[in-house]
Amino acid sequence: MEKLYESKIIEIGVMAEEFLKEDTMVIFNDSAPPELRDICFVHEKTELIDRIKVGDWLTIGDERYRIHLVGDTANETIRDLGHATLKFDGASSSDLPGHICVDVKPAPVIKPGTSIIFSRNK
């Protein structure tokens, strides 16, 4: 596995888990503006090694998800802000350019220290 992006959750916004109940996870690195922190899973700032593509993998803690869609601006917002909206809906299309859609599986339990890894099979 080639790691494209690896970070750890450092803060969980007070409303972030409500979004997770709707199969949506908003991530942002520690530069998240105060008005968005409440809905985000904030993680350590890190570098995007290569563009995330359909067929790559997202691992959150011990759970692994195949990526079905990478929105038009998702790689840029991950690179610049550590930001994306992760959808656990298996969709292969979306009108929202910052979405990354993954397998239809329940989102894992997330706490500070949980890892987020985007990776690719070599």
Protein backbone atom coordinates (compact mmCIF):
# COMPACT_ATOMS: atom_id res chain seq x y z
CA MET A 1 0.00 0.00 0.00
CA GLU A 2 1.26 3.44 -0.94
CA LYS A 3 0.11 6.10 1.52
CA LEU A 4 -1.10 9.27 -0.16
CA TYR A 5 -2.19 11.15 2.95
CA GLU A 6 -1.94 10.22 6.62
CA SER A 7 -3.09 12.15 9.66
CA LYS A 8 -4.69 11.81 13.10
CA ILE A 9 -7.85 13.33 14.51
CA ILE A 10 -7.01 15.93 17.16
CA GLU A 11 -10.41 17.53 17.79
CA ILE A 12 -14.06 16.62 17.26
CA GLY A 13 -16.57 19.41 16.72
CA VAL A 14 -19.69 19.35 18.90
CA MET A 15 -21.91 18.66 15.85
CA ALA A 16 -19.51 16.44 13.88
CA GLU A 17 -20.96 13.18 15.16
CA GLU A 18 -24.49 14.28 14.18
CA PHE A 19 -23.28 14.56 10.59
CA LEU A 20 -21.67 11.14 10.94
CA LYS A 21 -25.07 9.66 11.82
CA GLU A 22 -26.14 10.87 8.35
CA ASP A 23 -23.19 9.06 6.71
CA THR A 24 -21.24 12.30 6.28
CA MET A 25 -17.85 13.14 7.76
CA VAL A 26 -16.40 16.61 7.35
CA ILE A 27 -12.63 16.73 7.78
CA PHE A 28 -10.42 19.80 8.05
CA ASN A 29 -6.85 20.25 9.22
CA ASP A 30 -6.05 22.38 12.24
CA SER A 31 -6.40 25.56 10.15
CA ALA A 32 -10.21 25.12 10.19
CA PRO A 33 -11.91 28.46 10.77
CA PRO A 34 -13.79 28.80 14.07
CA GLU A 35 -17.19 28.94 12.34
CA LEU A 36 -16.62 25.46 10.81
CA ARG A 37 -14.89 23.68 13.69
CA ASP A 38 -18.20 22.62 15.27
CA ILE A 39 -19.06 20.35 12.31
CA CYS A 40 -15.55 19.02 11.62
CA PHE A 41 -13.29 16.23 12.59
CA VAL A 42 -10.13 18.30 12.86
CA HIS A 43 -6.86 16.53 12.09
CA GLU A 44 -3.16 17.31 12.06
CA LYS A 45 -1.88 19.20 9.05
CA THR A 46 -0.04 16.90 6.67
CA GLU A 47 1.07 16.65 3.04
CA LEU A 48 -0.88 15.10 0.15
CA ILE A 49 1.74 12.93 -1.60
CA ASP A 50 -0.30 12.19 -4.76
CA ARG A 51 -3.80 12.86 -6.06
CA ILE A 52 -6.56 10.67 -4.61
CA LYS A 53 -8.37 8.70 -7.33
CA VAL A 54 -11.36 6.43 -7.74
CA GLY A 55 -10.29 2.93 -6.66
CA ASP A 56 -7.97 4.19 -3.92
CA TRP A 57 -8.70 3.45 -0.25
CA LEU A 58 -9.72 5.45 2.79
CA THR A 59 -8.88 3.94 6.17
CA ILE A 60 -10.30 5.46 9.34
CA GLY A 61 -8.97 3.73 12.41
CA ASP A 62 -9.38 0.02 11.62
CA GLU A 63 -12.11 0.43 8.97
CA ARG A 64 -11.27 0.46 5.26
CA TYR A 65 -13.41 1.92 2.49
CA ARG A 66 -13.00 1.81 -1.32
CA ILE A 67 -13.24 5.26 -2.94
CA HIS A 68 -16.01 5.51 -5.57
CA LEU A 69 -15.92 9.25 -6.33
CA VAL A 70 -13.43 12.08 -5.94
CA GLY A 71 -15.06 15.47 -6.57
CA ASP A 72 -13.46 17.95 -8.95
CA THR A 73 -11.94 20.10 -6.19
CA ALA A 74 -11.43 17.47 -3.47
CA ASN A 75 -7.70 16.98 -4.11
CA GLU A 76 -7.03 20.72 -4.00
CA THR A 77 -8.97 21.24 -0.77
CA ILE A 78 -7.30 18.22 0.85
CA ARG A 79 -3.89 19.51 -0.24
CA ASP A 80 -4.47 23.13 0.83
CA LEU A 81 -6.79 22.80 3.84
CA GLY A 82 -6.97 19.11 4.73
CA HIS A 83 -10.66 19.54 3.92
CA ALA A 84 -13.16 17.19 2.29
CA THR A 85 -16.65 15.94 2.89
CA LEU A 86 -16.57 12.15 3.10
CA LYS A 87 -19.81 10.39 2.19
CA PHE A 88 -20.38 6.75 3.12
CA ASP A 89 -22.94 6.27 0.35
CA GLY A 90 -21.15 4.45 -2.49
CA ALA A 91 -22.13 7.20 -4.94
CA SER A 92 -20.28 7.54 -8.22
CA SER A 93 -21.59 11.05 -8.93
CA SER A 94 -22.18 14.19 -6.90
CA ASP A 95 -23.00 17.81 -7.62
CA LEU A 96 -20.68 18.89 -4.82
CA PRO A 97 -17.05 19.19 -5.97
CA GLY A 98 -15.48 18.63 -2.54
CA HIS A 99 -17.08 15.24 -1.90
CA ILE A 100 -15.21 11.97 -1.65
CA CYS A 101 -17.68 9.08 -1.72
CA VAL A 102 -16.75 5.68 -0.32
CA ASP A 103 -18.32 2.27 0.28
CA VAL A 104 -21.76 2.02 1.86
CA LYS A 105 -20.70 0.95 5.33
CA PRO A 106 -21.31 2.50 8.71
CA ALA A 107 -18.78 5.13 9.68
CA PRO A 108 -16.48 3.96 12.47
CA VAL A 109 -16.34 5.27 16.00
CA ILE A 110 -13.93 8.20 15.89
CA LYS A 111 -12.07 9.75 18.79
CA PRO A 112 -8.98 11.93 19.14
CA GLY A 113 -5.99 9.92 17.95
CA THR A 114 -7.95 8.00 15.28
CA SER A 115 -5.95 7.81 12.05
CA ILE A 116 -7.17 8.88 8.60
CA ILE A 117 -5.23 7.41 5.69
CA PHE A 118 -5.79 7.67 1.95
CA SER A 119 -3.80 4.97 0.17
CA ARG A 120 -3.39 3.13 -3.13
CA ASN A 121 -2.55 -0.48 -3.93
CA LYS A 122 0.85 -0.61 -5.61
